[in-house]
Amino acid sequence: MAGKTIYNESKRRFTMTLTQTAIQWLEQKQIELGANSLSDVIERMAREKLDKNVTNG
């Protein structure tokens, strides 16, 4: 989905290599969050972390 706009930002393609353990953990988080994809899981977690950092200053 490179080039798609979400959260008023353009997305870009990014490739990473993960262990099977990390992938399984992300897949579990995907189910828990009701996320559309593993990249959506990462996006949501990053934004949650950023929001907490801004709130806690």
PDB file of N, CA and C in Angstrom:
ATOM      1  N   MET A   1       0.816  -1.207   0.000  1.00  0.00           N
ATOM      2  CA  MET A   1       0.000   0.000   0.000  1.00  0.00           C
ATOM      3  C   MET A   1       0.850   1.259   0.000  1.00  0.00           C
ATOM      4  N   ALA A   2       2.028   1.169  -0.505  1.00  0.00           N
ATOM      5  CA  ALA A   2       2.895   2.345  -0.521  1.00  0.00           C
ATOM      6  C   ALA A   2       2.196   3.492  -1.224  1.00  0.00           C
ATOM      7  N   GLY A   3       2.323   4.683  -0.672  1.00  0.00           N
ATOM      8  CA  GLY A   3       1.709   5.851  -1.265  1.00  0.00           C
ATOM      9  C   GLY A   3       0.335   6.166  -0.712  1.00  0.00           C
ATOM     10  N   LYS A   4      -0.303   5.201  -0.057  1.00  0.00           N
ATOM     11  CA  LYS A   4      -1.611   5.432   0.535  1.00  0.00           C
ATOM     12  C   LYS A   4      -1.459   6.438   1.676  1.00  0.00           C
ATOM     13  N   THR A   5      -2.472   7.253   1.873  1.00  0.00           N
ATOM     14  CA  THR A   5      -2.441   8.232   2.953  1.00  0.00           C
ATOM     15  C   THR A   5      -3.296   7.735   4.111  1.00  0.00           C
ATOM     16  N   ILE A   6      -2.717   7.776   5.300  1.00  0.00           N
ATOM     17  CA  ILE A   6      -3.414   7.387   6.516  1.00  0.00           C
ATOM     18  C   ILE A   6      -2.893   8.280   7.634  1.00  0.00           C
ATOM     19  N   TYR A   7      -3.734   8.671   8.545  1.00  0.00           N
ATOM     20  CA  TYR A   7      -3.352   9.591   9.617  1.00  0.00           C
ATOM     21  C   TYR A   7      -2.767  10.877   9.034  1.00  0.00           C
ATOM     22  N   ASN A   8      -3.264  11.293   7.890  1.00  0.00           N
ATOM     23  CA  ASN A   8      -2.773  12.487   7.192  1.00  0.00           C
ATOM     24  C   ASN A   8      -1.291  12.403   6.842  1.00  0.00           C
ATOM     25  N   GLU A   9      -0.784  11.184   6.674  1.00  0.00           N
ATOM     26  CA  GLU A   9       0.605  10.977   6.280  1.00  0.00           C
ATOM     27  C   GLU A   9       0.641   9.990   5.128  1.00  0.00           C
ATOM     28  N   SER A  10       1.611  10.161   4.242  1.00  0.00           N
ATOM     29  CA  SER A  10       1.821   9.182   3.178  1.00  0.00           C
ATOM     30  C   SER A  10       2.516   7.969   3.766  1.00  0.00           C
ATOM     31  N   LYS A  11       2.147   6.791   3.259  1.00  0.00           N
ATOM     32  CA  LYS A  11       2.834   5.570   3.667  1.00  0.00           C
ATOM     33  C   LYS A  11       3.932   5.275   2.655  1.00  0.00           C
ATOM     34  N   ARG A  12       4.977   4.613   3.111  1.00  0.00           N
ATOM     35  CA  ARG A  12       6.019   4.167   2.200  1.00  0.00           C
ATOM     36  C   ARG A  12       6.362   2.723   2.525  1.00  0.00           C
ATOM     37  N   ARG A  13       6.801   2.015   1.526  1.00  0.00           N
ATOM     38  CA  ARG A  13       7.156   0.612   1.686  1.00  0.00           C
ATOM     39  C   ARG A  13       8.429   0.492   2.517  1.00  0.00           C
ATOM     40  N   PHE A  14       8.429  -0.482   3.410  1.00  0.00           N
ATOM     41  CA  PHE A  14       9.557  -0.718   4.302  1.00  0.00           C
ATOM     42  C   PHE A  14       9.642  -2.218   4.530  1.00  0.00           C
ATOM     43  N   THR A  15      10.793  -2.794   4.332  1.00  0.00           N
ATOM     44  CA  THR A  15      10.956  -4.232   4.500  1.00  0.00           C
ATOM     45  C   THR A  15      11.767  -4.514   5.753  1.00  0.00           C
ATOM     46  N   MET A  16      11.323  -5.513   6.521  1.00  0.00           N
ATOM     47  CA  MET A  16      12.085  -5.921   7.700  1.00  0.00           C
ATOM     48  C   MET A  16      12.119  -7.436   7.780  1.00  0.00           C
ATOM     49  N   THR A  17      13.071  -7.950   8.487  1.00  0.00           N
ATOM     50  CA  THR A  17      13.214  -9.377   8.692  1.00  0.00           C
ATOM     51  C   THR A  17      13.032  -9.658  10.174  1.00  0.00           C
ATOM     52  N   LEU A  18      12.125 -10.581  10.493  1.00  0.00           N
ATOM     53  CA  LEU A  18      11.811 -10.910  11.884  1.00  0.00           C
ATOM     54  C   LEU A  18      11.895 -12.404  12.116  1.00  0.00           C
ATOM     55  N   THR A  19      12.136 -12.788  13.362  1.00  0.00           N
ATOM     56  CA  THR A  19      12.097 -14.199  13.721  1.00  0.00           C
ATOM     57  C   THR A  19      10.650 -14.678  13.748  1.00  0.00           C
ATOM     58  N   GLN A  20      10.467 -15.981  13.708  1.00  0.00           N
ATOM     59  CA  GLN A  20       9.125 -16.547  13.779  1.00  0.00           C
ATOM     60  C   GLN A  20       8.437 -16.165  15.094  1.00  0.00           C
ATOM     61  N   THR A  21       9.213 -16.070  16.176  1.00  0.00           N
ATOM     62  CA  THR A  21       8.661 -15.671  17.472  1.00  0.00           C
ATOM     63  C   THR A  21       8.068 -14.268  17.399  1.00  0.00           C
ATOM     64  N   ALA A  22       8.788 -13.340  16.797  1.00  0.00           N
ATOM     65  CA  ALA A  22       8.299 -11.965  16.666  1.00  0.00           C
ATOM     66  C   ALA A  22       7.054 -11.911  15.790  1.00  0.00           C
ATOM     67  N   ILE A  23       7.057 -12.672  14.719  1.00  0.00           N
ATOM     68  CA  ILE A  23       5.896 -12.703  13.820  1.00  0.00           C
ATOM     69  C   ILE A  23       4.679 -13.250  14.535  1.00  0.00           C
ATOM     70  N   GLN A  24       4.857 -14.323  15.295  1.00  0.00           N
ATOM     71  CA  GLN A  24       3.733 -14.907  16.040  1.00  0.00           C
ATOM     72  C   GLN A  24       3.195 -13.915  17.060  1.00  0.00           C
ATOM     73  N   TRP A  25       4.073 -13.177  17.717  1.00  0.00           N
ATOM     74  CA  TRP A  25       3.638 -12.176  18.692  1.00  0.00           C
ATOM     75  C   TRP A  25       2.833 -11.070  17.999  1.00  0.00           C
ATOM     76  N   LEU A  26       3.330 -10.611  16.858  1.00  0.00           N
ATOM     77  CA  LEU A  26       2.614  -9.583  16.103  1.00  0.00           C
ATOM     78  C   LEU A  26       1.257 -10.100  15.624  1.00  0.00           C
ATOM     79  N   GLU A  27       1.204 -11.353  15.191  1.00  0.00           N
ATOM     80  CA  GLU A  27      -0.065 -11.932  14.751  1.00  0.00           C
ATOM     81  C   GLU A  27      -1.068 -12.016  15.901  1.00  0.00           C
ATOM     82  N   GLN A  28      -0.591 -12.316  17.113  1.00  0.00           N
ATOM     83  CA  GLN A  28      -1.473 -12.336  18.281  1.00  0.00           C
ATOM     84  C   GLN A  28      -1.980 -10.930  18.590  1.00  0.00           C
ATOM     85  N   LYS A  29      -1.094  -9.952  18.507  1.00  0.00           N
ATOM     86  CA  LYS A  29      -1.494  -8.555  18.722  1.00  0.00           C
ATOM     87  C   LYS A  29      -2.499  -8.115  17.665  1.00  0.00           C
ATOM     88  N   GLN A  30      -2.331  -8.586  16.441  1.00  0.00           N
ATOM     89  CA  GLN A  30      -3.269  -8.257  15.368  1.00  0.00           C
ATOM     90  C   GLN A  30      -4.671  -8.726  15.736  1.00  0.00           C
ATOM     91  N   ILE A  31      -4.783  -9.933  16.267  1.00  0.00           N
ATOM     92  CA  ILE A  31      -6.078 -10.461  16.694  1.00  0.00           C
ATOM     93  C   ILE A  31      -6.635  -9.637  17.848  1.00  0.00           C
ATOM     94  N   GLU A  32      -5.797  -9.374  18.847  1.00  0.00           N
ATOM     95  CA  GLU A  32      -6.230  -8.617  20.029  1.00  0.00           C
ATOM     96  C   GLU A  32      -6.725  -7.222  19.666  1.00  0.00           C
ATOM     97  N   LEU A  33      -6.022  -6.566  18.755  1.00  0.00           N
ATOM     98  CA  LEU A  33      -6.360  -5.187  18.377  1.00  0.00           C
ATOM     99  C   LEU A  33      -7.424  -5.108  17.287  1.00  0.00           C
ATOM    100  N   GLY A  34      -7.685  -6.226  16.628  1.00  0.00           N
ATOM    101  CA  GLY A  34      -8.596  -6.199  15.488  1.00  0.00           C
ATOM    102  C   GLY A  34      -7.985  -5.418  14.335  1.00  0.00           C
ATOM    103  N   ALA A  35      -6.662  -5.475  14.234  1.00  0.00           N
ATOM    104  CA  ALA A  35      -5.938  -4.731  13.199  1.00  0.00           C
ATOM    105  C   ALA A  35      -6.075  -5.429  11.854  1.00  0.00           C
ATOM    106  N   ASN A  36      -5.919  -4.652  10.790  1.00  0.00           N
ATOM    107  CA  ASN A  36      -6.055  -5.169   9.432  1.00  0.00           C
ATOM    108  C   ASN A  36      -4.843  -5.953   8.949  1.00  0.00           C
ATOM    109  N   SER A  37      -3.676  -5.648   9.487  1.00  0.00           N
ATOM    110  CA  SER A  37      -2.438  -6.254   9.003  1.00  0.00           C
ATOM    111  C   SER A  37      -1.371  -6.113  10.085  1.00  0.00           C
ATOM    112  N   LEU A  38      -0.243  -6.785   9.867  1.00  0.00           N
ATOM    113  CA  LEU A  38       0.854  -6.646  10.816  1.00  0.00           C
ATOM    114  C   LEU A  38       1.413  -5.227  10.797  1.00  0.00           C
ATOM    115  N   SER A  39       1.425  -4.599   9.637  1.00  0.00           N
ATOM    116  CA  SER A  39       1.897  -3.218   9.583  1.00  0.00           C
ATOM    117  C   SER A  39       0.954  -2.288  10.347  1.00  0.00           C
ATOM    118  N   ASP A  40      -0.340  -2.610  10.334  1.00  0.00           N
ATOM    119  CA  ASP A  40      -1.316  -1.833  11.107  1.00  0.00           C
ATOM    120  C   ASP A  40      -1.049  -1.992  12.600  1.00  0.00           C
ATOM    121  N   VAL A  41      -0.664  -3.185  13.032  1.00  0.00           N
ATOM    122  CA  VAL A  41      -0.307  -3.421  14.439  1.00  0.00           C
ATOM    123  C   VAL A  41       0.859  -2.526  14.832  1.00  0.00           C
ATOM    124  N   ILE A  42       1.899  -2.532  14.015  1.00  0.00           N
ATOM    125  CA  ILE A  42       3.080  -1.726  14.313  1.00  0.00           C
ATOM    126  C   ILE A  42       2.736  -0.240  14.324  1.00  0.00           C
ATOM    127  N   GLU A  43       1.942   0.190  13.366  1.00  0.00           N
ATOM    128  CA  GLU A  43       1.517   1.593  13.288  1.00  0.00           C
ATOM    129  C   GLU A  43       0.764   1.998  14.556  1.00  0.00           C
ATOM    130  N   ARG A  44      -0.189   1.177  14.964  1.00  0.00           N
ATOM    131  CA  ARG A  44      -0.986   1.493  16.160  1.00  0.00           C
ATOM    132  C   ARG A  44      -0.123   1.535  17.413  1.00  0.00           C
ATOM    133  N   MET A  45       0.782   0.575  17.547  1.00  0.00           N
ATOM    134  CA  MET A  45       1.639   0.540  18.731  1.00  0.00           C
ATOM    135  C   MET A  45       2.572   1.750  18.766  1.00  0.00           C
ATOM    136  N   ALA A  46       3.109   2.130  17.630  1.00  0.00           N
ATOM    137  CA  ALA A  46       3.993   3.295  17.571  1.00  0.00           C
ATOM    138  C   ALA A  46       3.235   4.569  17.933  1.00  0.00           C
ATOM    139  N   ARG A  47       2.033   4.708  17.382  1.00  0.00           N
ATOM    140  CA  ARG A  47       1.247   5.905  17.667  1.00  0.00           C
ATOM    141  C   ARG A  47       0.811   5.957  19.131  1.00  0.00           C
ATOM    142  N   GLU A  48       0.489   4.804  19.700  1.00  0.00           N
ATOM    143  CA  GLU A  48       0.135   4.749  21.123  1.00  0.00           C
ATOM    144  C   GLU A  48       1.323   5.175  21.975  1.00  0.00           C
ATOM    145  N   LYS A  49       2.500   4.697  21.643  1.00  0.00           N
ATOM    146  CA  LYS A  49       3.716   5.056  22.380  1.00  0.00           C
ATOM    147  C   LYS A  49       4.006   6.550  22.249  1.00  0.00           C
ATOM    148  N   LEU A  50       3.886   7.073  21.047  1.00  0.00           N
ATOM    149  CA  LEU A  50       4.118   8.496  20.838  1.00  0.00           C
ATOM    150  C   LEU A  50       3.120   9.347  21.613  1.00  0.00           C
ATOM    151  N   ASP A  51       1.842   8.925  21.597  1.00  0.00           N
ATOM    152  CA  ASP A  51       0.816   9.655  22.338  1.00  0.00           C
ATOM    153  C   ASP A  51       1.119   9.664  23.837  1.00  0.00           C
ATOM    154  N   LYS A  52       1.582   8.548  24.386  1.00  0.00           N
ATOM    155  CA  LYS A  52       1.923   8.479  25.798  1.00  0.00           C
ATOM    156  C   LYS A  52       3.119   9.373  26.123  1.00  0.00           C
ATOM    157  N   ASN A  53       4.102   9.405  25.212  1.00  0.00           N
ATOM    158  CA  ASN A  53       5.278  10.253  25.427  1.00  0.00           C
ATOM    159  C   ASN A  53       4.891  11.724  25.424  1.00  0.00           C
ATOM    160  N   VAL A  54       3.962  12.122  24.553  1.00  0.00           N
ATOM    161  CA  VAL A  54       3.522  13.508  24.492  1.00  0.00           C
ATOM    162  C   VAL A  54       2.749  13.853  25.759  1.00  0.00           C
ATOM    163  N   THR A  55       1.879  12.950  26.203  1.00  0.00           N
ATOM    164  CA  THR A  55       1.065  13.170  27.392  1.00  0.00           C
ATOM    165  C   THR A  55       1.927  13.266  28.641  1.00  0.00           C
ATOM    166  N   ASN A  56       2.924  12.381  28.744  1.00  0.00           N
ATOM    167  CA  ASN A  56       3.775  12.335  29.944  1.00  0.00           C
ATOM    168  C   ASN A  56       4.934  13.322  29.891  1.00  0.00           C
ATOM    169  N   GLY A  57       5.137  13.936  28.695  1.00  0.00           N
ATOM    170  CA  GLY A  57       6.149  14.943  28.490  1.00  0.00           C
ATOM    171  C   GLY A  57       7.480  14.589  28.962  1.00  0.00           C
TER     172      GLY A  57
END
